[in-house]
């Protein structure tokens, strides 16, 4: 549930018989529900459905019982909240929240404009292309081919890319709007 109406990508105003008691003993009523999409760098958006809109709520809340009701197991371990399909293995789970202060917060991959290293030896050619694209301050992918040829120590990787860099696209869009 959230108290911010602008977060919804899809919203239905409904008369819900649901009151939420706040920490200050105040009571607020849910007035609708919908879908919220969280944009993540280098990952597809995370969509959360059936989110309640509760005006006056100052923190977004997700209930473990709701996640379990959708067919997932939830485990809290080592400061992390791990979610995996019921009947599956915890090894197939995803860390969705991490302990931060007194709350668990969504775990998103940090934005890395200038990444410094590859985490393991099993990195794909596509991942290497993205790594060097970021290391070179978002140098155009076609220019990476030339860079690789004139530089010593850069590993072989395909310079083909399939995704649009969100940061670059937003920067170009902002520049376009400022010219209007």
Protein backbone atom coordinates (compact mmCIF):
# COMPACT_ATOMS: atom_id res chain seq x y z
CA UNK A 1 0.00 0.00 0.00
CA UNK A 2 1.09 3.55 -0.68
CA UNK A 3 -0.05 7.06 0.06
CA UNK A 4 1.29 8.53 -3.20
CA UNK A 5 -1.27 8.56 -6.01
CA UNK A 6 1.34 9.51 -8.66
CA UNK A 7 3.19 6.18 -8.22
CA UNK A 8 0.43 4.19 -9.94
CA UNK A 9 0.81 3.22 -13.58
CA UNK A 10 -2.71 1.77 -13.49
CA UNK A 11 -5.30 2.88 -10.92
CA UNK A 12 -8.92 2.07 -10.12
CA UNK A 13 -10.78 4.19 -7.61
CA UNK A 14 -12.95 1.87 -5.53
CA UNK A 15 -14.97 2.03 -2.39
CA UNK A 16 -13.07 -0.40 -0.20
CA UNK A 17 -14.10 -1.37 3.29
CA UNK A 18 -10.56 -1.26 4.56
CA UNK A 19 -9.21 0.99 7.28
CA UNK A 20 -5.53 1.16 8.17
CA UNK A 21 -4.43 2.04 11.68
CA UNK A 22 -1.27 4.13 11.66
CA UNK A 23 1.56 4.19 14.19
CA UNK A 24 0.22 7.45 15.66
CA UNK A 25 -3.16 5.73 16.25
CA UNK A 26 -4.70 7.61 13.34
CA UNK A 27 -7.00 5.73 11.00
CA UNK A 28 -7.04 6.15 7.22
CA UNK A 29 -9.16 4.45 4.60
CA UNK A 30 -8.03 2.77 1.36
CA UNK A 31 -9.78 4.45 -1.57
CA UNK A 32 -8.51 2.49 -4.55
CA UNK A 33 -6.03 0.00 -5.92
CA UNK A 34 -3.82 -0.50 -8.92
CA UNK A 35 -0.36 -1.33 -10.27
CA UNK A 36 2.95 0.34 -9.50
CA UNK A 37 6.06 -0.13 -11.67
CA UNK A 38 9.52 0.48 -10.26
CA UNK A 39 12.14 1.40 -12.87
CA UNK A 40 15.44 -0.40 -12.36
CA UNK A 41 18.74 0.29 -14.10
CA UNK A 42 19.68 -2.54 -16.50
CA UNK A 43 16.71 -4.67 -15.39
CA UNK A 44 13.09 -4.79 -16.51
CA UNK A 45 10.66 -2.78 -14.38
CA UNK A 46 9.38 -4.47 -11.23
CA UNK A 47 5.57 -4.47 -11.35
CA UNK A 48 3.56 -4.79 -8.16
CA UNK A 49 -0.17 -5.38 -8.64
CA UNK A 50 -3.16 -4.96 -6.34
CA UNK A 51 -1.48 -2.11 -4.47
CA UNK A 52 -3.85 -0.21 -2.21
CA UNK A 53 -3.98 3.58 -2.32
CA UNK A 54 -4.24 4.94 1.22
CA UNK A 55 -4.10 8.75 1.34
CA UNK A 56 -2.14 9.90 4.38
CA UNK A 57 0.19 6.90 4.46
CA UNK A 58 3.79 8.17 4.64
CA UNK A 59 5.66 4.89 3.94
CA UNK A 60 4.99 2.29 1.26
CA UNK A 61 4.21 -1.07 2.83
CA UNK A 62 4.19 -4.64 1.52
CA UNK A 63 2.78 -7.37 3.71
CA UNK A 64 4.47 -10.76 3.86
CA UNK A 65 1.03 -12.37 3.99
CA UNK A 66 0.22 -10.80 0.61
CA UNK A 67 3.38 -12.22 -0.95
CA UNK A 68 2.63 -15.65 0.52
CA UNK A 69 -0.95 -15.38 -0.76
CA UNK A 70 0.45 -15.03 -4.29
CA UNK A 71 2.15 -18.45 -4.03
CA UNK A 72 5.59 -17.52 -2.76
CA UNK A 73 7.63 -18.52 0.26
CA UNK A 74 9.35 -15.74 2.19
CA UNK A 75 12.50 -16.22 4.24
CA UNK A 76 14.31 -13.62 6.34
CA UNK A 77 17.97 -14.53 6.52
CA UNK A 78 21.16 -12.56 7.13
CA UNK A 79 19.50 -9.15 6.85
CA UNK A 80 17.78 -10.07 3.60
CA UNK A 81 14.25 -11.03 2.60
CA UNK A 82 14.31 -13.84 0.05
CA UNK A 83 11.27 -14.77 -2.05
CA UNK A 84 10.88 -17.98 -4.04
CA UNK A 85 7.97 -19.96 -5.54
CA UNK A 86 6.16 -22.24 -3.11
CA UNK A 87 7.44 -25.79 -3.50
CA UNK A 88 10.66 -24.56 -5.10
CA UNK A 89 14.15 -24.32 -3.68
CA UNK A 90 15.43 -21.32 -1.76
CA UNK A 91 18.40 -21.45 -4.15
CA UNK A 92 16.05 -20.26 -6.91
CA UNK A 93 14.93 -17.33 -4.76
CA UNK A 94 15.52 -13.64 -5.31
CA UNK A 95 16.59 -11.16 -2.67
CA UNK A 96 13.85 -8.57 -2.79
CA UNK A 97 14.51 -6.57 0.34
CA UNK A 98 17.45 -5.78 2.59
CA UNK A 99 17.55 -4.66 6.19
CA UNK A 100 18.01 -0.89 6.42
CA UNK A 101 17.62 0.67 9.86
CA UNK A 102 14.40 -0.71 11.27
CA UNK A 103 12.81 -1.53 7.90
CA UNK A 104 13.37 -3.82 4.95
CA UNK A 105 13.79 -1.88 1.71
CA UNK A 106 13.51 -3.08 -1.89
CA UNK A 107 16.82 -4.38 -3.17
CA UNK A 108 17.57 -2.85 -6.53
CA UNK A 109 20.74 -3.28 -8.50
CA UNK A 110 22.76 -0.10 -7.89
CA UNK A 111 23.19 2.21 -10.82
CA UNK A 112 26.78 1.89 -12.00
CA UNK A 113 27.78 4.49 -14.55
CA UNK A 114 31.45 3.60 -14.23
CA UNK A 115 31.74 -0.02 -13.16
CA UNK A 116 35.23 -1.11 -12.17
CA UNK A 117 35.22 -4.88 -12.42
CA UNK A 118 33.40 -8.00 -13.47
CA UNK A 119 32.13 -10.04 -10.53
CA UNK A 120 33.06 -13.50 -11.82
CA UNK A 121 34.74 -15.35 -14.66
CA UNK A 122 31.42 -16.45 -16.20
CA UNK A 123 30.61 -13.08 -17.73
CA UNK A 124 28.95 -13.12 -21.13
CA UNK A 125 30.15 -11.10 -24.10
CA UNK A 126 27.02 -8.95 -23.76
CA UNK A 127 27.83 -8.22 -20.09
CA UNK A 128 31.40 -7.29 -21.03
CA UNK A 129 30.11 -4.91 -23.69
CA UNK A 130 27.87 -3.24 -21.10
CA UNK A 131 30.73 -3.10 -18.60
CA UNK A 132 33.08 -1.36 -21.02
CA UNK A 133 30.28 0.89 -22.29
CA UNK A 134 29.88 2.18 -18.74
CA UNK A 135 33.62 2.31 -18.01
CA UNK A 136 34.10 4.55 -21.02
CA UNK A 137 31.42 6.99 -19.81
CA UNK A 138 28.70 5.69 -22.15
CA UNK A 139 30.82 5.78 -25.30
CA UNK A 140 28.67 4.76 -28.29
CA UNK A 141 28.67 0.97 -28.78
CA UNK A 142 30.05 1.19 -32.32
CA UNK A 143 32.99 3.24 -31.01
CA UNK A 144 33.75 0.46 -28.49
CA UNK A 145 34.86 -1.71 -31.41
CA UNK A 146 37.50 0.87 -32.37
CA UNK A 147 38.46 1.40 -28.73
CA UNK A 148 39.05 -2.34 -28.29
CA UNK A 149 41.30 -2.44 -31.39
CA UNK A 150 43.54 0.47 -30.35
CA UNK A 151 43.83 -0.40 -26.66
CA UNK A 152 45.88 -3.11 -24.96
CA UNK A 153 44.28 -5.30 -22.28
CA UNK A 154 40.64 -4.96 -23.24
CA UNK A 155 39.05 -8.42 -23.57
CA UNK A 156 37.19 -9.60 -26.67
CA UNK A 157 33.46 -8.97 -26.59
CA UNK A 158 30.66 -8.38 -29.04
CA UNK A 159 29.84 -4.70 -29.50
CA UNK A 160 26.26 -5.48 -30.50
CA UNK A 161 23.73 -4.09 -28.07
CA UNK A 162 20.04 -4.78 -27.73
CA UNK A 163 18.81 -2.38 -25.08
CA UNK A 164 18.62 1.37 -24.94
CA UNK A 165 20.59 2.86 -22.05
CA UNK A 166 17.97 4.49 -19.85
CA UNK A 167 20.42 7.14 -18.59
CA UNK A 168 21.46 8.15 -22.09
CA UNK A 169 17.87 8.22 -23.33
CA UNK A 170 16.72 10.36 -20.41
CA UNK A 171 19.66 12.73 -20.95
CA UNK A 172 18.81 13.16 -24.62
CA UNK A 173 15.12 13.62 -23.79
CA UNK A 174 15.92 16.30 -21.21
CA UNK A 175 18.14 18.11 -23.73
CA UNK A 176 15.34 17.99 -26.28
CA UNK A 177 12.85 19.48 -23.82
CA UNK A 178 15.21 22.31 -22.82
CA UNK A 179 15.44 23.37 -26.51
CA UNK A 180 11.68 23.79 -26.80
